[in-house]
PDB file of all heavy atoms in Angstrom:
ATOM      1  N   ASN A   1     -29.783   2.840 -25.000  1.00  0.00           N
ATOM      2  CA  ASN A   1     -29.440   1.514 -25.478  1.00  0.00           C
ATOM      3  C   ASN A   1     -27.983   1.305 -25.706  1.00  0.00           C
ATOM      4  O   ASN A   1     -27.534   0.165 -25.838  1.00  0.00           O
ATOM      5  CB  ASN A   1     -30.255   1.272 -26.760  1.00  0.00           C
ATOM      6  CG  ASN A   1     -31.687   1.227 -26.576  1.00  0.00           C
ATOM      7  OD1 ASN A   1     -32.112   0.825 -25.448  1.00  0.00           O
ATOM      8  ND2 ASN A   1     -32.510   1.690 -27.470  1.00  0.00           N
ATOM      9  N   PHE A   2     -27.207   2.355 -25.843  1.00  0.00           N
ATOM     10  CA  PHE A   2     -25.740   2.267 -26.202  1.00  0.00           C
ATOM     11  C   PHE A   2     -24.962   2.823 -24.956  1.00  0.00           C
ATOM     12  O   PHE A   2     -24.030   2.099 -24.478  1.00  0.00           O
ATOM     13  CB  PHE A   2     -25.442   3.048 -27.403  1.00  0.00           C
ATOM     14  CG  PHE A   2     -23.962   2.982 -27.780  1.00  0.00           C
ATOM     15  CD1 PHE A   2     -23.434   1.870 -28.369  1.00  0.00           C
ATOM     16  CD2 PHE A   2     -23.087   3.985 -27.410  1.00  0.00           C
ATOM     17  CE1 PHE A   2     -22.083   1.743 -28.679  1.00  0.00           C
ATOM     18  CE2 PHE A   2     -21.715   3.928 -27.800  1.00  0.00           C
ATOM     19  CZ  PHE A   2     -21.183   2.756 -28.340  1.00  0.00           C
ATOM     20  N   GLY A   3     -25.436   3.990 -24.454  1.00  0.00           N
ATOM     21  CA  GLY A   3     -24.670   4.670 -23.304  1.00  0.00           C
ATOM     22  C   GLY A   3     -24.591   3.758 -22.109  1.00  0.00           C
ATOM     23  O   GLY A   3     -23.487   3.604 -21.582  1.00  0.00           O
ATOM     24  N   PHE A   4     -25.673   3.140 -21.651  1.00  0.00           N
ATOM     25  CA  PHE A   4     -25.630   2.421 -20.442  1.00  0.00           C
ATOM     26  C   PHE A   4     -24.825   1.101 -20.700  1.00  0.00           C
ATOM     27  O   PHE A   4     -24.141   0.724 -19.734  1.00  0.00           O
ATOM     28  CB  PHE A   4     -27.018   2.053 -19.953  1.00  0.00           C
ATOM     29  CG  PHE A   4     -26.974   1.145 -18.654  1.00  0.00           C
ATOM     30  CD1 PHE A   4     -26.669   1.733 -17.473  1.00  0.00           C
ATOM     31  CD2 PHE A   4     -27.179  -0.147 -18.780  1.00  0.00           C
ATOM     32  CE1 PHE A   4     -26.545   0.927 -16.336  1.00  0.00           C
ATOM     33  CE2 PHE A   4     -27.099  -0.947 -17.683  1.00  0.00           C
ATOM     34  CZ  PHE A   4     -26.852  -0.458 -16.466  1.00  0.00           C
ATOM     35  N   ALA A   5     -25.013   0.570 -21.835  1.00  0.00           N
ATOM     36  CA  ALA A   5     -24.195  -0.685 -22.136  1.00  0.00           C
ATOM     37  C   ALA A   5     -22.740  -0.447 -21.988  1.00  0.00           C
ATOM     38  O   ALA A   5     -21.999  -1.256 -21.533  1.00  0.00           O
ATOM     39  CB  ALA A   5     -24.570  -1.138 -23.570  1.00  0.00           C
ATOM     40  N   SER A   6     -22.215   0.738 -22.503  1.00  0.00           N
ATOM     41  CA  SER A   6     -20.873   1.133 -22.322  1.00  0.00           C
ATOM     42  C   SER A   6     -20.468   1.198 -20.853  1.00  0.00           C
ATOM     43  O   SER A   6     -19.445   0.734 -20.447  1.00  0.00           O
ATOM     44  CB  SER A   6     -20.669   2.484 -23.062  1.00  0.00           C
ATOM     45  OG  SER A   6     -20.926   2.399 -24.411  1.00  0.00           O
ATOM     46  N   THR A   7     -21.406   1.838 -20.033  1.00  0.00           N
ATOM     47  CA  THR A   7     -21.099   2.065 -18.607  1.00  0.00           C
ATOM     48  C   THR A   7     -20.954   0.622 -18.001  1.00  0.00           C
ATOM     49  O   THR A   7     -20.057   0.415 -17.170  1.00  0.00           O
ATOM     50  CB  THR A   7     -22.232   2.800 -18.023  1.00  0.00           C
ATOM     51  OG1 THR A   7     -22.267   4.119 -18.594  1.00  0.00           O
ATOM     52  CG2 THR A   7     -21.967   2.959 -16.515  1.00  0.00           C
ATOM     53  N   LEU A   8     -21.950  -0.236 -18.303  1.00  0.00           N
ATOM     54  CA  LEU A   8     -21.980  -1.585 -17.719  1.00  0.00           C
ATOM     55  C   LEU A   8     -20.693  -2.350 -18.060  1.00  0.00           C
ATOM     56  O   LEU A   8     -19.961  -2.878 -17.108  1.00  0.00           O
ATOM     57  CB  LEU A   8     -23.136  -2.374 -18.287  1.00  0.00           C
ATOM     58  CG  LEU A   8     -23.233  -3.903 -17.879  1.00  0.00           C
ATOM     59  CD1 LEU A   8     -23.464  -3.978 -16.414  1.00  0.00           C
ATOM     60  CD2 LEU A   8     -24.396  -4.486 -18.734  1.00  0.00           C
ATOM     61  N   LEU A   9     -20.301  -2.390 -19.315  1.00  0.00           N
ATOM     62  CA  LEU A   9     -19.083  -3.154 -19.717  1.00  0.00           C
ATOM     63  C   LEU A   9     -17.804  -2.507 -19.193  1.00  0.00           C
ATOM     64  O   LEU A   9     -16.865  -3.283 -18.749  1.00  0.00           O
ATOM     65  CB  LEU A   9     -19.011  -3.220 -21.241  1.00  0.00           C
ATOM     66  CG  LEU A   9     -20.154  -3.969 -21.932  1.00  0.00           C
ATOM     67  CD1 LEU A   9     -20.010  -3.924 -23.455  1.00  0.00           C
ATOM     68  CD2 LEU A   9     -20.363  -5.354 -21.412  1.00  0.00           C
ATOM     69  N   ASN A  10     -17.759  -1.234 -19.126  1.00  0.00           N
ATOM     70  CA  ASN A  10     -16.586  -0.529 -18.523  1.00  0.00           C
ATOM     71  C   ASN A  10     -16.455  -0.865 -17.037  1.00  0.00           C
ATOM     72  O   ASN A  10     -15.322  -1.018 -16.526  1.00  0.00           O
ATOM     73  CB  ASN A  10     -16.612   0.939 -18.765  1.00  0.00           C
ATOM     74  CG  ASN A  10     -16.357   1.359 -20.173  1.00  0.00           C
ATOM     75  OD1 ASN A  10     -15.588   0.626 -20.869  1.00  0.00           O
ATOM     76  ND2 ASN A  10     -16.883   2.441 -20.630  1.00  0.00           N
ATOM     77  N   THR A  11     -17.582  -0.993 -16.357  1.00  0.00           N
ATOM     78  CA  THR A  11     -17.622  -1.313 -14.918  1.00  0.00           C
ATOM     79  C   THR A  11     -17.092  -2.832 -14.712  1.00  0.00           C
ATOM     80  O   THR A  11     -16.384  -3.012 -13.799  1.00  0.00           O
ATOM     81  CB  THR A  11     -18.966  -1.084 -14.359  1.00  0.00           C
ATOM     82  OG1 THR A  11     -19.446   0.274 -14.616  1.00  0.00           O
ATOM     83  CG2 THR A  11     -18.917  -1.305 -12.810  1.00  0.00           C
ATOM     84  N   LEU A  12     -17.569  -3.633 -15.534  1.00  0.00           N
ATOM     85  CA  LEU A  12     -17.014  -5.067 -15.438  1.00  0.00           C
ATOM     86  C   LEU A  12     -15.496  -5.047 -15.714  1.00  0.00           C
ATOM     87  O   LEU A  12     -14.843  -5.761 -15.055  1.00  0.00           O
ATOM     88  CB  LEU A  12     -17.748  -5.863 -16.509  1.00  0.00           C
ATOM     89  CG  LEU A  12     -19.231  -6.258 -16.188  1.00  0.00           C
ATOM     90  CD1 LEU A  12     -19.849  -6.887 -17.451  1.00  0.00           C
ATOM     91  CD2 LEU A  12     -19.449  -7.149 -15.047  1.00  0.00           C
ATOM     92  N   LYS A  13     -15.110  -4.351 -16.694  1.00  0.00           N
ATOM     93  CA  LYS A  13     -13.626  -4.305 -16.955  1.00  0.00           C
ATOM     94  C   LYS A  13     -12.844  -3.651 -15.814  1.00  0.00           C
ATOM     95  O   LYS A  13     -11.695  -4.125 -15.436  1.00  0.00           O
ATOM     96  CB  LYS A  13     -13.307  -3.389 -18.210  1.00  0.00           C
ATOM     97  CG  LYS A  13     -13.644  -4.245 -19.546  1.00  0.00           C
ATOM     98  CD  LYS A  13     -13.167  -3.509 -20.761  1.00  0.00           C
ATOM     99  CE  LYS A  13     -13.935  -2.332 -21.159  1.00  0.00           C
ATOM    100  NZ  LYS A  13     -13.505  -1.780 -22.472  1.00  0.00           N
ATOM    101  N   LYS A  14     -13.431  -2.684 -15.139  1.00  0.00           N
ATOM    102  CA  LYS A  14     -12.809  -2.078 -14.010  1.00  0.00           C
ATOM    103  C   LYS A  14     -12.418  -3.031 -12.944  1.00  0.00           C
ATOM    104  O   LYS A  14     -11.412  -3.014 -12.312  1.00  0.00           O
ATOM    105  CB  LYS A  14     -13.752  -0.959 -13.502  1.00  0.00           C
ATOM    106  CG  LYS A  14     -13.317  -0.327 -12.246  1.00  0.00           C
ATOM    107  CD  LYS A  14     -14.376   0.682 -11.836  1.00  0.00           C
ATOM    108  CE  LYS A  14     -14.046   1.380 -10.456  1.00  0.00           C
ATOM    109  NZ  LYS A  14     -15.115   2.323 -10.093  1.00  0.00           N
ATOM    110  N   TYR A  15     -13.322  -4.060 -12.766  1.00  0.00           N
ATOM    111  CA  TYR A  15     -13.075  -5.063 -11.768  1.00  0.00           C
ATOM    112  C   TYR A  15     -12.533  -6.398 -12.275  1.00  0.00           C
ATOM    113  O   TYR A  15     -12.474  -7.377 -11.568  1.00  0.00           O
ATOM    114  CB  TYR A  15     -14.351  -5.345 -10.979  1.00  0.00           C
ATOM    115  CG  TYR A  15     -14.849  -4.148 -10.172  1.00  0.00           C
ATOM    116  CD1 TYR A  15     -15.726  -3.278 -10.640  1.00  0.00           C
ATOM    117  CD2 TYR A  15     -14.186  -3.847  -8.911  1.00  0.00           C
ATOM    118  CE1 TYR A  15     -16.127  -2.119  -9.948  1.00  0.00           C
ATOM    119  CE2 TYR A  15     -14.589  -2.655  -8.209  1.00  0.00           C
ATOM    120  CZ  TYR A  15     -15.513  -1.879  -8.748  1.00  0.00           C
ATOM    121  OH  TYR A  15     -15.770  -0.770  -7.999  1.00  0.00           O
ATOM    122  N   GLY A  16     -12.125  -6.382 -13.548  1.00  0.00           N
ATOM    123  CA  GLY A  16     -11.582  -7.552 -14.191  1.00  0.00           C
ATOM    124  C   GLY A  16     -12.437  -8.727 -14.164  1.00  0.00           C
ATOM    125  O   GLY A  16     -12.111  -9.894 -14.216  1.00  0.00           O
ATOM    126  N   ASN A  17     -13.827  -8.450 -14.283  1.00  0.00           N
ATOM    127  CA  ASN A  17     -14.756  -9.530 -14.215  1.00  0.00           C
ATOM    128  C   ASN A  17     -15.173  -9.899 -15.624  1.00  0.00           C
ATOM    129  O   ASN A  17     -15.766  -9.129 -16.419  1.00  0.00           O
ATOM    130  CB  ASN A  17     -16.058  -8.985 -13.420  1.00  0.00           C
ATOM    131  CG  ASN A  17     -17.030 -10.164 -13.237  1.00  0.00           C
ATOM    132  OD1 ASN A  17     -17.042 -11.166 -13.855  1.00  0.00           O
ATOM    133  ND2 ASN A  17     -17.959  -9.898 -12.260  1.00  0.00           N
ATOM    134  N   THR A  18     -14.792 -11.125 -16.074  1.00  0.00           N
ATOM    135  CA  THR A  18     -15.101 -11.590 -17.414  1.00  0.00           C
ATOM    136  C   THR A  18     -16.176 -12.635 -17.389  1.00  0.00           C
ATOM    137  O   THR A  18     -16.163 -13.578 -18.217  1.00  0.00           O
ATOM    138  CB  THR A  18     -13.809 -12.186 -18.090  1.00  0.00           C
ATOM    139  OG1 THR A  18     -13.286 -13.139 -17.227  1.00  0.00           O
ATOM    140  CG2 THR A  18     -12.696 -11.044 -18.232  1.00  0.00           C
ATOM    141  N   CYS A  19     -17.176 -12.492 -16.532  1.00  0.00           N
ATOM    142  CA  CYS A  19     -18.255 -13.439 -16.488  1.00  0.00           C
ATOM    143  C   CYS A  19     -19.080 -13.280 -17.785  1.00  0.00           C
ATOM    144  O   CYS A  19     -18.990 -12.256 -18.460  1.00  0.00           O
ATOM    145  CB  CYS A  19     -19.152 -13.144 -15.269  1.00  0.00           C
ATOM    146  SG  CYS A  19     -20.100 -11.603 -15.354  1.00  0.00           S
ATOM    147  N   PRO A  20     -19.899 -14.246 -18.087  1.00  0.00           N
ATOM    148  CA  PRO A  20     -20.768 -14.165 -19.302  1.00  0.00           C
ATOM    149  C   PRO A  20     -21.692 -13.003 -19.213  1.00  0.00           C
ATOM    150  O   PRO A  20     -22.258 -12.709 -18.068  1.00  0.00           O
ATOM    151  CB  PRO A  20     -21.531 -15.432 -19.320  1.00  0.00           C
ATOM    152  CG  PRO A  20     -20.648 -16.393 -18.538  1.00  0.00           C
ATOM    153  CD  PRO A  20     -20.054 -15.580 -17.484  1.00  0.00           C
ATOM    154  N   VAL A  21     -22.012 -12.312 -20.305  1.00  0.00           N
ATOM    155  CA  VAL A  21     -22.872 -11.138 -20.363  1.00  0.00           C
ATOM    156  C   VAL A  21     -23.850 -11.360 -21.449  1.00  0.00           C
ATOM    157  O   VAL A  21     -23.499 -11.580 -22.657  1.00  0.00           O
ATOM    158  CB  VAL A  21     -22.151  -9.821 -20.533  1.00  0.00           C
ATOM    159  CG1 VAL A  21     -23.080  -8.662 -20.435  1.00  0.00           C
ATOM    160  CG2 VAL A  21     -20.998  -9.744 -19.595  1.00  0.00           C
ATOM    161  N   MET A  22     -25.152 -11.223 -21.098  1.00  0.00           N
ATOM    162  CA  MET A  22     -26.201 -11.275 -22.166  1.00  0.00           C
ATOM    163  C   MET A  22     -26.731  -9.997 -22.533  1.00  0.00           C
ATOM    164  O   MET A  22     -26.809  -9.022 -21.626  1.00  0.00           O
ATOM    165  CB  MET A  22     -27.394 -12.197 -21.679  1.00  0.00           C
ATOM    166  CG  MET A  22     -28.622 -12.280 -22.466  1.00  0.00           C
ATOM    167  SD  MET A  22     -29.732 -10.857 -22.083  1.00  0.00           S
ATOM    168  CE  MET A  22     -30.959 -11.106 -23.276  1.00  0.00           C
ATOM    169  N   PHE A  23     -27.004  -9.677 -23.813  1.00  0.00           N
ATOM    170  CA  PHE A  23     -27.445  -8.390 -24.322  1.00  0.00           C
ATOM    171  C   PHE A  23     -28.771  -8.624 -24.992  1.00  0.00           C
ATOM    172  O   PHE A  23     -28.889  -9.340 -25.931  1.00  0.00           O
ATOM    173  CB  PHE A  23     -26.434  -7.763 -25.301  1.00  0.00           C
ATOM    174  CG  PHE A  23     -26.886  -6.411 -25.837  1.00  0.00           C
ATOM    175  CD1 PHE A  23     -27.118  -5.383 -24.946  1.00  0.00           C
ATOM    176  CD2 PHE A  23     -27.017  -6.309 -27.192  1.00  0.00           C
ATOM    177  CE1 PHE A  23     -27.538  -4.127 -25.515  1.00  0.00           C
ATOM    178  CE2 PHE A  23     -27.516  -5.048 -27.710  1.00  0.00           C
ATOM    179  CZ  PHE A  23     -27.726  -3.977 -26.917  1.00  0.00           C
ATOM    180  N   SER A  24     -29.783  -7.845 -24.568  1.00  0.00           N
ATOM    181  CA  SER A  24     -31.081  -7.879 -25.142  1.00  0.00           C
ATOM    182  C   SER A  24     -31.130  -6.956 -26.268  1.00  0.00           C
ATOM    183  O   SER A  24     -31.287  -5.713 -26.101  1.00  0.00           O
ATOM    184  CB  SER A  24     -32.110  -7.576 -24.022  1.00  0.00           C
ATOM    185  OG  SER A  24     -33.398  -7.461 -24.665  1.00  0.00           O
ATOM    186  N   SER A  25     -31.096  -7.458 -27.453  1.00  0.00           N
ATOM    187  CA  SER A  25     -31.268  -6.645 -28.687  1.00  0.00           C
ATOM    188  C   SER A  25     -32.588  -6.917 -29.353  1.00  0.00           C
ATOM    189  O   SER A  25     -33.453  -7.485 -28.636  1.00  0.00           O
ATOM    190  CB  SER A  25     -30.184  -6.946 -29.670  1.00  0.00           C
ATOM    191  OG  SER A  25     -30.167  -6.070 -30.735  1.00  0.00           O
ATOM    192  N   SER A  26     -32.816  -6.458 -30.520  1.00  0.00           N
ATOM    193  CA  SER A  26     -34.091  -6.559 -31.176  1.00  0.00           C
ATOM    194  C   SER A  26     -33.926  -6.964 -32.696  1.00  0.00           C
ATOM    195  O   SER A  26     -32.888  -6.744 -33.204  1.00  0.00           O
ATOM    196  CB  SER A  26     -34.875  -5.219 -31.136  1.00  0.00           C
ATOM    197  OG  SER A  26     -35.926  -5.163 -32.056  1.00  0.00           O
ATOM    198  N   ILE A  27     -34.912  -7.645 -33.176  1.00  0.00           N
ATOM    199  CA  ILE A  27     -34.879  -7.932 -34.556  1.00  0.00           C
ATOM    200  C   ILE A  27     -34.753  -6.723 -35.426  1.00  0.00           C
ATOM    201  O   ILE A  27     -34.332  -6.695 -36.669  1.00  0.00           O
ATOM    202  CB  ILE A  27     -36.176  -8.803 -34.968  1.00  0.00           C
ATOM    203  CG1 ILE A  27     -36.086  -9.333 -36.421  1.00  0.00           C
ATOM    204  CG2 ILE A  27     -37.460  -7.845 -34.891  1.00  0.00           C
ATOM    205  CD1 ILE A  27     -35.016 -10.419 -36.491  1.00  0.00           C
ATOM    206  N   GLN A  28     -35.191  -5.548 -34.909  1.00  0.00           N
ATOM    207  CA  GLN A  28     -35.059  -4.285 -35.565  1.00  0.00           C
ATOM    208  C   GLN A  28     -33.604  -3.884 -35.931  1.00  0.00           C
ATOM    209  O   GLN A  28     -33.351  -3.123 -36.824  1.00  0.00           O
ATOM    210  CB  GLN A  28     -35.750  -3.100 -34.855  1.00  0.00           C
ATOM    211  CG  GLN A  28     -37.186  -3.284 -34.680  1.00  0.00           C
ATOM    212  CD  GLN A  28     -37.867  -2.034 -34.180  1.00  0.00           C
ATOM    213  OE1 GLN A  28     -37.426  -0.983 -34.515  1.00  0.00           O
ATOM    214  NE2 GLN A  28     -38.855  -2.225 -33.349  1.00  0.00           N
ATOM    215  N   ALA A  29     -32.688  -4.556 -35.183  1.00  0.00           N
ATOM    216  CA  ALA A  29     -31.261  -4.319 -35.356  1.00  0.00           C
ATOM    217  C   ALA A  29     -30.750  -4.890 -36.753  1.00  0.00           C
ATOM    218  O   ALA A  29     -29.623  -4.502 -37.230  1.00  0.00           O
ATOM    219  CB  ALA A  29     -30.362  -4.927 -34.269  1.00  0.00           C
ATOM    220  N   THR A  30     -31.600  -5.634 -37.422  1.00  0.00           N
ATOM    221  CA  THR A  30     -31.221  -6.093 -38.744  1.00  0.00           C
ATOM    222  C   THR A  30     -31.254  -4.960 -39.733  1.00  0.00           C
ATOM    223  O   THR A  30     -30.530  -5.036 -40.842  1.00  0.00           O
ATOM    224  CB  THR A  30     -32.160  -7.234 -39.271  1.00  0.00           C
ATOM    225  OG1 THR A  30     -33.554  -6.666 -39.210  1.00  0.00           O
ATOM    226  CG2 THR A  30     -32.108  -8.438 -38.363  1.00  0.00           C
ATOM    227  N   LEU A  31     -31.998  -3.926 -39.464  1.00  0.00           N
ATOM    228  CA  LEU A  31     -32.241  -2.685 -40.315  1.00  0.00           C
ATOM    229  C   LEU A  31     -32.674  -3.135 -41.717  1.00  0.00           C
ATOM    230  O   LEU A  31     -32.320  -2.531 -42.731  1.00  0.00           O
ATOM    231  CB  LEU A  31     -30.939  -1.930 -40.437  1.00  0.00           C
ATOM    232  CG  LEU A  31     -30.290  -1.425 -39.135  1.00  0.00           C
ATOM    233  CD1 LEU A  31     -29.184  -0.617 -39.338  1.00  0.00           C
ATOM    234  CD2 LEU A  31     -31.341  -0.524 -38.404  1.00  0.00           C
ATOM    235  N   ILE A  32     -33.539  -4.174 -41.731  1.00  0.00           N
ATOM    236  CA  ILE A  32     -34.064  -4.737 -42.991  1.00  0.00           C
ATOM    237  C   ILE A  32     -35.562  -4.350 -43.146  1.00  0.00           C
ATOM    238  O   ILE A  32     -36.253  -4.363 -42.137  1.00  0.00           O
ATOM    239  CB  ILE A  32     -33.843  -6.264 -43.054  1.00  0.00           C
ATOM    240  CG1 ILE A  32     -32.362  -6.568 -43.181  1.00  0.00           C
ATOM    241  CG2 ILE A  32     -34.612  -6.885 -44.242  1.00  0.00           C
ATOM    242  CD1 ILE A  32     -32.036  -8.099 -43.146  1.00  0.00           C
ATOM    243  N   GLY A  33     -35.989  -4.098 -44.341  1.00  0.00           N
ATOM    244  CA  GLY A  33     -37.341  -3.886 -44.623  1.00  0.00           C
ATOM    245  C   GLY A  33     -37.912  -2.662 -43.839  1.00  0.00           C
ATOM    246  O   GLY A  33     -37.315  -1.518 -43.814  1.00  0.00           O
ATOM    247  N   ARG A  34     -39.046  -2.832 -43.091  1.00  0.00           N
ATOM    248  CA  ARG A  34     -39.602  -1.725 -42.413  1.00  0.00           C
ATOM    249  C   ARG A  34     -38.760  -1.237 -41.323  1.00  0.00           C
ATOM    250  O   ARG A  34     -39.012  -0.173 -40.705  1.00  0.00           O
ATOM    251  CB  ARG A  34     -41.052  -2.230 -41.875  1.00  0.00           C
ATOM    252  CG  ARG A  34     -40.969  -3.290 -40.832  1.00  0.00           C
ATOM    253  CD  ARG A  34     -42.372  -3.592 -40.358  1.00  0.00           C
ATOM    254  NE  ARG A  34     -42.488  -4.610 -39.328  1.00  0.00           N
ATOM    255  CZ  ARG A  34     -42.515  -5.904 -39.550  1.00  0.00           C
ATOM    256  NH1 ARG A  34     -42.389  -6.431 -40.834  1.00  0.00           N
ATOM    257  NH2 ARG A  34     -42.623  -6.799 -38.538  1.00  0.00           N
ATOM    258  N   TYR A  35     -37.698  -2.028 -40.955  1.00  0.00           N
ATOM    259  CA  TYR A  35     -36.841  -1.564 -39.921  1.00  0.00           C
ATOM    260  C   TYR A  35     -35.565  -0.837 -40.417  1.00  0.00           C
ATOM    261  O   TYR A  35     -34.706  -0.417 -39.631  1.00  0.00           O
ATOM    262  CB  TYR A  35     -36.280  -2.805 -39.137  1.00  0.00           C
ATOM    263  CG  TYR A  35     -37.363  -3.650 -38.483  1.00  0.00           C
ATOM    264  CD1 TYR A  35     -37.375  -5.025 -38.653  1.00  0.00           C
ATOM    265  CD2 TYR A  35     -38.478  -3.076 -37.755  1.00  0.00           C
ATOM    266  CE1 TYR A  35     -38.285  -5.864 -38.160  1.00  0.00           C
ATOM    267  CE2 TYR A  35     -39.433  -3.893 -37.246  1.00  0.00           C
ATOM    268  CZ  TYR A  35     -39.347  -5.268 -37.455  1.00  0.00           C
ATOM    269  OH  TYR A  35     -40.390  -6.045 -36.981  1.00  0.00           O
ATOM    270  N   GLY A  36     -35.631  -0.491 -41.661  1.00  0.00           N
ATOM    271  CA  GLY A  36     -34.348   0.088 -42.376  1.00  0.00           C
ATOM    272  C   GLY A  36     -33.980   1.424 -41.791  1.00  0.00           C
ATOM    273  O   GLY A  36     -32.819   1.716 -41.642  1.00  0.00           O
ATOM    274  N   GLN A  37     -34.944   2.251 -41.374  1.00  0.00           N
ATOM    275  CA  GLN A  37     -34.682   3.610 -40.860  1.00  0.00           C
ATOM    276  C   GLN A  37     -35.017   3.664 -39.259  1.00  0.00           C
ATOM    277  O   GLN A  37     -35.057   4.731 -38.734  1.00  0.00           O
ATOM    278  CB  GLN A  37     -35.444   4.581 -41.691  1.00  0.00           C
ATOM    279  CG  GLN A  37     -35.168   4.668 -43.101  1.00  0.00           C
ATOM    280  CD  GLN A  37     -33.752   4.851 -43.408  1.00  0.00           C
ATOM    281  OE1 GLN A  37     -33.093   5.842 -42.754  1.00  0.00           O
ATOM    282  NE2 GLN A  37     -33.129   4.148 -44.301  1.00  0.00           N
ATOM    283  N   SER A  38     -34.996   2.519 -38.622  1.00  0.00           N
ATOM    284  CA  SER A  38     -35.350   2.523 -37.222  1.00  0.00           C
ATOM    285  C   SER A  38     -34.197   3.029 -36.426  1.00  0.00           C
ATOM    286  O   SER A  38     -33.119   2.453 -36.296  1.00  0.00           O
ATOM    287  CB  SER A  38     -35.662   1.095 -36.833  1.00  0.00           C
ATOM    288  OG  SER A  38     -35.732   0.980 -35.455  1.00  0.00           O
ATOM    289  N   ASP A  39     -34.444   4.186 -35.677  1.00  0.00           N
ATOM    290  CA  ASP A  39     -33.415   4.713 -34.763  1.00  0.00           C
ATOM    291  C   ASP A  39     -33.275   3.678 -33.593  1.00  0.00           C
ATOM    292  O   ASP A  39     -32.004   3.583 -33.069  1.00  0.00           O
ATOM    293  CB  ASP A  39     -33.814   6.023 -34.310  1.00  0.00           C
ATOM    294  CG  ASP A  39     -33.743   7.075 -35.355  1.00  0.00           C
ATOM    295  OD1 ASP A  39     -32.824   7.026 -36.167  1.00  0.00           O
ATOM    296  OD2 ASP A  39     -34.580   8.060 -35.394  1.00  0.00           O
ATOM    297  N   TYR A  40     -34.320   3.059 -33.182  1.00  0.00           N
ATOM    298  CA  TYR A  40     -34.155   2.081 -32.183  1.00  0.00           C
ATOM    299  C   TYR A  40     -33.318   0.972 -32.674  1.00  0.00           C
ATOM    300  O   TYR A  40     -32.380   0.530 -31.929  1.00  0.00           O
ATOM    301  CB  TYR A  40     -35.596   1.544 -31.747  1.00  0.00           C
ATOM    302  CG  TYR A  40     -35.593   0.437 -30.830  1.00  0.00           C
ATOM    303  CD1 TYR A  40     -35.231   0.647 -29.466  1.00  0.00           C
ATOM    304  CD2 TYR A  40     -36.036  -0.833 -31.112  1.00  0.00           C
ATOM    305  CE1 TYR A  40     -35.308  -0.373 -28.576  1.00  0.00           C
ATOM    306  CE2 TYR A  40     -36.139  -1.835 -30.305  1.00  0.00           C
ATOM    307  CZ  TYR A  40     -35.683  -1.656 -28.967  1.00  0.00           C
ATOM    308  OH  TYR A  40     -35.780  -2.671 -28.067  1.00  0.00           O
TER     309      TYR A  40
END
């Protein structure tokens, strides 16, 4: 979830491509309530 995202963005930077990029995250990224200790 982090490693490939880094590879993707670095590859875009490599070619100077600043097109729009969408990232699929999750409500679990709030780390609130039952998601507080979610490694995901």
